[in-house]
Amino acid sequence: MLHEAVLRALTGARPWPPGVSLLAFLAGVMRSIGDEQWRRHRRQHDLPAPGDGGEAHDPERACAAAEALAAIQQLFASDDAALKVIKGLINGMAAEEIRRHYGLTAVEYDTTRRRIRRTLLRYDLAWSWP
């Protein structure tokens, strides 16, 4: 799914909005792809749409997200700064909050973000689980 998300971004099918982090952008594109696949599957198999009976989330999506997160954490297992930044992003923290919370300088934070971006682009998590 990451491969497809990067492909859509590179071809311009999904433009990268200014001010949005790469990780957040790719996560959104992957979520969108997953939703498309689920809707297509539901239509092909004539399955009912999730009811409005207070259903909080789709178990398949939760499982896929957990697997992706585990793969990312394993990929950065030896990089404490990257894990801190990723954890902050997962918790919806802004860059300044992450820097302040984990005691990172602006340069350390920016360097770590570039390292994360390059590593994620180098590995296709959909096919190459570390």
N, C-alpha and C. Protein backbone atom coordinates (compact mmCIF):
# COMPACT_ATOMS: atom_id res chain seq x y z
N MET A 1 0.83 -1.18 0.00
CA MET A 1 0.00 0.00 0.00
C MET A 1 0.88 1.26 0.00
N LEU A 2 2.01 1.20 0.71
CA LEU A 2 2.93 2.34 0.72
C LEU A 2 3.45 2.59 -0.69
N HIS A 3 3.77 1.51 -1.39
CA HIS A 3 4.26 1.65 -2.76
C HIS A 3 3.24 2.38 -3.62
N GLU A 4 1.98 2.01 -3.53
CA GLU A 4 0.92 2.65 -4.29
C GLU A 4 0.77 4.12 -3.88
N ALA A 5 0.89 4.41 -2.58
CA ALA A 5 0.77 5.79 -2.10
C ALA A 5 1.89 6.66 -2.67
N VAL A 6 3.12 6.14 -2.64
CA VAL A 6 4.26 6.89 -3.18
C VAL A 6 4.09 7.07 -4.68
N LEU A 7 3.64 6.04 -5.38
CA LEU A 7 3.41 6.13 -6.82
C LEU A 7 2.39 7.22 -7.14
N ARG A 8 1.28 7.25 -6.40
CA ARG A 8 0.25 8.27 -6.63
C ARG A 8 0.79 9.68 -6.36
N ALA A 9 1.64 9.79 -5.36
CA ALA A 9 2.24 11.10 -5.05
C ALA A 9 3.20 11.53 -6.16
N LEU A 10 4.02 10.60 -6.63
CA LEU A 10 5.00 10.93 -7.65
C LEU A 10 4.37 11.24 -9.00
N THR A 11 3.26 10.58 -9.32
CA THR A 11 2.59 10.84 -10.60
C THR A 11 1.69 12.08 -10.55
N GLY A 12 1.47 12.59 -9.36
CA GLY A 12 0.62 13.76 -9.23
C GLY A 12 -0.84 13.43 -9.02
N ALA A 13 -1.17 12.14 -8.99
CA ALA A 13 -2.57 11.75 -8.76
C ALA A 13 -3.03 12.19 -7.38
N ARG A 14 -2.10 12.25 -6.44
CA ARG A 14 -2.39 12.75 -5.09
C ARG A 14 -1.36 13.82 -4.76
N PRO A 15 -1.71 15.09 -4.94
CA PRO A 15 -0.76 16.17 -4.65
C PRO A 15 -0.48 16.29 -3.15
N TRP A 16 0.76 16.58 -2.83
CA TRP A 16 1.21 16.73 -1.45
C TRP A 16 0.94 18.16 -1.00
N PRO A 17 -0.01 18.37 -0.10
CA PRO A 17 -0.34 19.73 0.33
C PRO A 17 0.82 20.38 1.09
N PRO A 18 1.04 21.66 0.89
CA PRO A 18 2.11 22.35 1.62
C PRO A 18 1.81 22.33 3.12
N GLY A 19 2.85 22.18 3.90
CA GLY A 19 2.71 22.21 5.35
C GLY A 19 2.31 20.88 5.98
N VAL A 20 2.11 19.84 5.18
CA VAL A 20 1.75 18.53 5.70
C VAL A 20 3.00 17.66 5.67
N SER A 21 3.27 17.00 6.78
CA SER A 21 4.47 16.15 6.84
C SER A 21 4.33 14.98 5.88
N LEU A 22 5.47 14.45 5.44
CA LEU A 22 5.45 13.32 4.52
C LEU A 22 4.75 12.13 5.15
N LEU A 23 5.06 11.87 6.40
CA LEU A 23 4.46 10.72 7.08
C LEU A 23 2.94 10.86 7.15
N ALA A 24 2.46 12.03 7.52
CA ALA A 24 1.02 12.26 7.60
C ALA A 24 0.38 12.17 6.22
N PHE A 25 1.05 12.73 5.21
CA PHE A 25 0.53 12.69 3.85
C PHE A 25 0.41 11.26 3.35
N LEU A 26 1.50 10.49 3.49
CA LEU A 26 1.47 9.10 3.01
C LEU A 26 0.47 8.26 3.80
N ALA A 27 0.36 8.52 5.10
CA ALA A 27 -0.62 7.79 5.91
C ALA A 27 -2.03 8.08 5.41
N GLY A 28 -2.31 9.32 5.08
CA GLY A 28 -3.62 9.69 4.55
C GLY A 28 -3.90 9.05 3.21
N VAL A 29 -2.89 9.02 2.34
CA VAL A 29 -3.06 8.40 1.03
C VAL A 29 -3.30 6.90 1.20
N MET A 30 -2.53 6.26 2.09
CA MET A 30 -2.71 4.82 2.33
C MET A 30 -4.09 4.53 2.92
N ARG A 31 -4.55 5.39 3.82
CA ARG A 31 -5.88 5.21 4.40
C ARG A 31 -6.93 5.32 3.30
N SER A 32 -6.74 6.26 2.40
CA SER A 32 -7.65 6.45 1.29
C SER A 32 -7.66 5.23 0.37
N ILE A 33 -6.49 4.71 0.07
CA ILE A 33 -6.39 3.52 -0.77
C ILE A 33 -7.10 2.34 -0.10
N GLY A 34 -6.86 2.18 1.19
CA GLY A 34 -7.52 1.11 1.94
C GLY A 34 -9.03 1.24 1.92
N ASP A 35 -9.51 2.47 2.08
CA ASP A 35 -10.95 2.71 2.03
C ASP A 35 -11.51 2.36 0.66
N GLU A 36 -10.78 2.75 -0.42
CA GLU A 36 -11.22 2.42 -1.77
C GLU A 36 -11.32 0.91 -1.94
N GLN A 37 -10.30 0.21 -1.48
CA GLN A 37 -10.29 -1.26 -1.62
C GLN A 37 -11.44 -1.88 -0.83
N TRP A 38 -11.68 -1.38 0.38
CA TRP A 38 -12.75 -1.93 1.20
C TRP A 38 -14.11 -1.68 0.56
N ARG A 39 -14.33 -0.45 0.05
CA ARG A 39 -15.60 -0.14 -0.61
C ARG A 39 -15.80 -1.02 -1.85
N ARG A 40 -14.73 -1.20 -2.63
CA ARG A 40 -14.81 -2.05 -3.83
C ARG A 40 -15.15 -3.49 -3.42
N HIS A 41 -14.49 -3.99 -2.38
CA HIS A 41 -14.74 -5.34 -1.89
C HIS A 41 -16.20 -5.47 -1.43
N ARG A 42 -16.69 -4.48 -0.70
CA ARG A 42 -18.06 -4.50 -0.20
C ARG A 42 -19.07 -4.54 -1.35
N ARG A 43 -18.83 -3.73 -2.40
CA ARG A 43 -19.73 -3.71 -3.55
C ARG A 43 -19.70 -5.04 -4.30
N GLN A 44 -18.50 -5.58 -4.50
CA GLN A 44 -18.36 -6.83 -5.25
C GLN A 44 -19.02 -8.00 -4.54
N HIS A 45 -19.00 -8.00 -3.22
CA HIS A 45 -19.55 -9.10 -2.45
C HIS A 45 -20.89 -8.78 -1.82
N ASP A 46 -21.45 -7.64 -2.23
CA ASP A 46 -22.77 -7.21 -1.75
C ASP A 46 -22.87 -7.25 -0.22
N LEU A 47 -21.85 -6.68 0.43
CA LEU A 47 -21.83 -6.62 1.89
C LEU A 47 -22.46 -5.31 2.35
N PRO A 48 -23.14 -5.31 3.48
CA PRO A 48 -23.73 -4.06 3.97
C PRO A 48 -22.64 -3.09 4.44
N ALA A 49 -22.94 -1.83 4.31
CA ALA A 49 -22.02 -0.81 4.82
C ALA A 49 -22.06 -0.84 6.34
N PRO A 50 -20.97 -0.42 6.99
CA PRO A 50 -21.00 -0.39 8.46
C PRO A 50 -22.17 0.43 8.95
N GLY A 51 -22.90 -0.10 9.89
CA GLY A 51 -24.07 0.58 10.42
C GLY A 51 -23.69 1.74 11.31
N ASP A 52 -24.67 2.52 11.64
CA ASP A 52 -24.40 3.64 12.53
C ASP A 52 -24.75 3.24 13.95
N GLY A 53 -24.52 2.01 14.30
CA GLY A 53 -24.78 1.53 15.65
C GLY A 53 -23.60 1.76 16.58
N GLY A 54 -22.91 2.87 16.42
CA GLY A 54 -21.80 3.20 17.32
C GLY A 54 -20.51 2.46 16.99
N GLU A 55 -20.38 1.96 15.76
CA GLU A 55 -19.18 1.24 15.37
C GLU A 55 -18.01 2.22 15.34
N ALA A 56 -17.02 2.00 16.18
CA ALA A 56 -15.92 2.94 16.32
C ALA A 56 -14.91 2.82 15.21
N HIS A 57 -14.61 1.60 14.76
CA HIS A 57 -13.61 1.44 13.73
C HIS A 57 -13.77 0.10 13.03
N ASP A 58 -13.13 -0.01 11.91
CA ASP A 58 -13.12 -1.25 11.14
C ASP A 58 -11.99 -2.11 11.66
N PRO A 59 -12.26 -3.31 12.14
CA PRO A 59 -11.20 -4.17 12.70
C PRO A 59 -10.07 -4.47 11.71
N GLU A 60 -10.40 -4.59 10.43
CA GLU A 60 -9.36 -4.85 9.43
C GLU A 60 -8.41 -3.66 9.32
N ARG A 61 -8.99 -2.46 9.33
CA ARG A 61 -8.14 -1.26 9.26
C ARG A 61 -7.28 -1.13 10.50
N ALA A 62 -7.85 -1.44 11.66
CA ALA A 62 -7.09 -1.36 12.90
C ALA A 62 -5.94 -2.36 12.88
N CYS A 63 -6.18 -3.55 12.36
CA CYS A 63 -5.14 -4.57 12.27
C CYS A 63 -4.04 -4.13 11.29
N ALA A 64 -4.44 -3.61 10.14
CA ALA A 64 -3.47 -3.15 9.14
C ALA A 64 -2.63 -1.99 9.70
N ALA A 65 -3.28 -1.10 10.42
CA ALA A 65 -2.55 0.03 11.02
C ALA A 65 -1.56 -0.46 12.07
N ALA A 66 -1.98 -1.42 12.87
CA ALA A 66 -1.08 -1.97 13.90
C ALA A 66 0.12 -2.65 13.26
N GLU A 67 -0.11 -3.39 12.17
CA GLU A 67 0.99 -4.05 11.48
C GLU A 67 1.95 -3.03 10.87
N ALA A 68 1.41 -1.98 10.26
CA ALA A 68 2.26 -0.94 9.67
C ALA A 68 3.07 -0.24 10.74
N LEU A 69 2.43 0.07 11.86
CA LEU A 69 3.13 0.73 12.96
C LEU A 69 4.24 -0.16 13.52
N ALA A 70 3.96 -1.45 13.66
CA ALA A 70 4.97 -2.38 14.15
C ALA A 70 6.15 -2.45 13.19
N ALA A 71 5.87 -2.44 11.89
CA ALA A 71 6.95 -2.48 10.89
C ALA A 71 7.79 -1.22 10.96
N ILE A 72 7.14 -0.07 11.11
CA ILE A 72 7.88 1.19 11.20
C ILE A 72 8.72 1.21 12.47
N GLN A 73 8.15 0.75 13.58
CA GLN A 73 8.91 0.73 14.83
C GLN A 73 10.10 -0.22 14.73
N GLN A 74 9.93 -1.34 14.05
CA GLN A 74 11.03 -2.28 13.87
C GLN A 74 12.10 -1.68 12.96
N LEU A 75 11.66 -0.97 11.93
CA LEU A 75 12.58 -0.34 11.00
C LEU A 75 13.48 0.68 11.70
N PHE A 76 12.92 1.38 12.69
CA PHE A 76 13.67 2.42 13.40
C PHE A 76 14.07 1.99 14.82
N ALA A 77 14.11 0.69 15.08
CA ALA A 77 14.37 0.17 16.42
C ALA A 77 15.69 0.68 17.02
N SER A 78 16.68 0.91 16.18
CA SER A 78 17.98 1.35 16.70
C SER A 78 18.16 2.87 16.62
N ASP A 79 17.11 3.59 16.29
CA ASP A 79 17.18 5.05 16.14
C ASP A 79 16.23 5.71 17.14
N ASP A 80 16.75 6.01 18.33
CA ASP A 80 15.91 6.56 19.40
C ASP A 80 15.26 7.89 19.01
N ALA A 81 16.02 8.76 18.34
CA ALA A 81 15.46 10.05 17.96
C ALA A 81 14.29 9.87 16.99
N ALA A 82 14.44 8.96 16.03
CA ALA A 82 13.37 8.72 15.07
C ALA A 82 12.13 8.16 15.77
N LEU A 83 12.34 7.24 16.71
CA LEU A 83 11.19 6.68 17.43
C LEU A 83 10.46 7.75 18.24
N LYS A 84 11.22 8.68 18.81
CA LYS A 84 10.59 9.77 19.57
C LYS A 84 9.74 10.64 18.65
N VAL A 85 10.30 11.00 17.49
CA VAL A 85 9.56 11.84 16.54
C VAL A 85 8.33 11.11 16.03
N ILE A 86 8.47 9.84 15.70
CA ILE A 86 7.34 9.05 15.20
C ILE A 86 6.26 8.96 16.27
N LYS A 87 6.67 8.70 17.51
CA LYS A 87 5.69 8.62 18.61
C LYS A 87 4.94 9.95 18.75
N GLY A 88 5.67 11.05 18.67
CA GLY A 88 5.03 12.36 18.76
C GLY A 88 4.04 12.58 17.62
N LEU A 89 4.43 12.19 16.40
CA LEU A 89 3.54 12.35 15.25
C LEU A 89 2.30 11.48 15.40
N ILE A 90 2.48 10.26 15.90
CA ILE A 90 1.34 9.36 16.10
C ILE A 90 0.36 9.97 17.09
N ASN A 91 0.90 10.66 18.10
CA ASN A 91 0.06 11.28 19.12
C ASN A 91 -0.48 12.64 18.71
N GLY A 92 -0.23 13.02 17.44
CA GLY A 92 -0.77 14.27 16.92
C GLY A 92 -0.08 15.52 17.41
N MET A 93 1.15 15.36 17.89
CA MET A 93 1.89 16.51 18.40
C MET A 93 2.47 17.33 17.25
N ALA A 94 2.54 18.64 17.44
CA ALA A 94 3.18 19.52 16.47
C ALA A 94 4.69 19.43 16.65
N ALA A 95 5.43 19.91 15.66
CA ALA A 95 6.89 19.84 15.70
C ALA A 95 7.45 20.47 16.98
N GLU A 96 6.96 21.63 17.33
CA GLU A 96 7.46 22.32 18.53
C GLU A 96 7.18 21.50 19.79
N GLU A 97 6.01 20.89 19.85
CA GLU A 97 5.67 20.06 21.01
C GLU A 97 6.61 18.85 21.11
N ILE A 98 6.87 18.23 19.97
CA ILE A 98 7.77 17.07 19.95
C ILE A 98 9.16 17.49 20.41
N ARG A 99 9.66 18.59 19.88
CA ARG A 99 11.00 19.07 20.26
C ARG A 99 11.06 19.36 21.75
N ARG A 100 10.06 20.04 22.26
CA ARG A 100 10.05 20.40 23.68
C ARG A 100 9.91 19.16 24.55
N HIS A 101 9.00 18.26 24.19
CA HIS A 101 8.73 17.07 25.00
C HIS A 101 9.94 16.15 25.08
N TYR A 102 10.65 15.99 23.95
CA TYR A 102 11.77 15.05 23.92
C TYR A 102 13.14 15.73 24.00
N GLY A 103 13.16 17.05 24.19
CA GLY A 103 14.42 17.77 24.34
C GLY A 103 15.27 17.78 23.09
N LEU A 104 14.64 17.90 21.93
CA LEU A 104 15.36 17.95 20.67
C LEU A 104 15.52 19.39 20.22
N THR A 105 16.67 19.70 19.64
CA THR A 105 16.85 21.03 19.05
C THR A 105 16.14 21.03 17.70
N ALA A 106 15.97 22.21 17.13
CA ALA A 106 15.32 22.32 15.82
C ALA A 106 16.14 21.57 14.77
N VAL A 107 17.45 21.66 14.86
CA VAL A 107 18.32 20.97 13.89
C VAL A 107 18.19 19.45 14.05
N GLU A 108 18.21 18.97 15.29
CA GLU A 108 18.06 17.52 15.54
C GLU A 108 16.71 17.02 15.01
N TYR A 109 15.67 17.79 15.27
CA TYR A 109 14.33 17.40 14.81
C TYR A 109 14.29 17.34 13.29
N ASP A 110 14.76 18.41 12.62
CA ASP A 110 14.72 18.45 11.16
C ASP A 110 15.57 17.34 10.54
N THR A 111 16.73 17.09 11.11
CA THR A 111 17.60 16.02 10.62
C THR A 111 16.92 14.66 10.77
N THR A 112 16.27 14.46 11.90
CA THR A 112 15.58 13.20 12.16
C THR A 112 14.42 13.02 11.19
N ARG A 113 13.65 14.08 10.93
CA ARG A 113 12.54 14.00 9.99
C ARG A 113 13.03 13.63 8.60
N ARG A 114 14.14 14.22 8.16
CA ARG A 114 14.70 13.87 6.85
C ARG A 114 15.13 12.41 6.82
N ARG A 115 15.77 11.96 7.90
CA ARG A 115 16.22 10.56 7.99
C ARG A 115 15.02 9.61 7.92
N ILE A 116 13.94 9.95 8.62
CA ILE A 116 12.73 9.13 8.60
C ILE A 116 12.17 9.08 7.18
N ARG A 117 12.05 10.24 6.56
CA ARG A 117 11.49 10.31 5.22
C ARG A 117 12.31 9.48 4.24
N ARG A 118 13.63 9.63 4.28
CA ARG A 118 14.50 8.89 3.36
C ARG A 118 14.42 7.39 3.61
N THR A 119 14.37 7.00 4.86
CA THR A 119 14.29 5.57 5.19
C THR A 119 12.98 4.98 4.70
N LEU A 120 11.88 5.70 4.93
CA LEU A 120 10.57 5.19 4.48
C LEU A 120 10.49 5.11 2.96
N LEU A 121 11.10 6.05 2.28
CA LEU A 121 11.09 6.01 0.82
C LEU A 121 11.98 4.88 0.29
N ARG A 122 13.01 4.56 1.04
CA ARG A 122 13.94 3.50 0.63
C ARG A 122 13.31 2.11 0.78
N TYR A 123 12.46 1.95 1.78
CA TYR A 123 11.83 0.66 2.04
C TYR A 123 10.38 0.70 1.65
N ASP A 124 9.93 -0.31 0.99
CA ASP A 124 8.52 -0.42 0.64
C ASP A 124 7.90 -1.32 1.69
N LEU A 125 7.28 -0.73 2.71
CA LEU A 125 6.77 -1.50 3.84
C LEU A 125 5.64 -2.45 3.44
N ALA A 126 4.99 -2.17 2.33
CA ALA A 126 3.91 -3.06 1.92
C ALA A 126 4.45 -4.42 1.45
N TRP A 127 5.71 -4.43 1.00
CA TRP A 127 6.27 -5.66 0.46
C TRP A 127 7.52 -6.11 1.17
N SER A 128 8.22 -5.23 1.85
CA SER A 128 9.51 -5.56 2.45
C SER A 128 9.49 -5.35 3.95
N TRP A 129 8.77 -6.16 4.68
CA TRP A 129 8.73 -5.99 6.12
C TRP A 129 10.11 -6.26 6.67
N PRO A 130 10.62 -5.36 7.52
CA PRO A 130 11.98 -5.56 8.05
C PRO A 130 12.06 -6.79 8.93
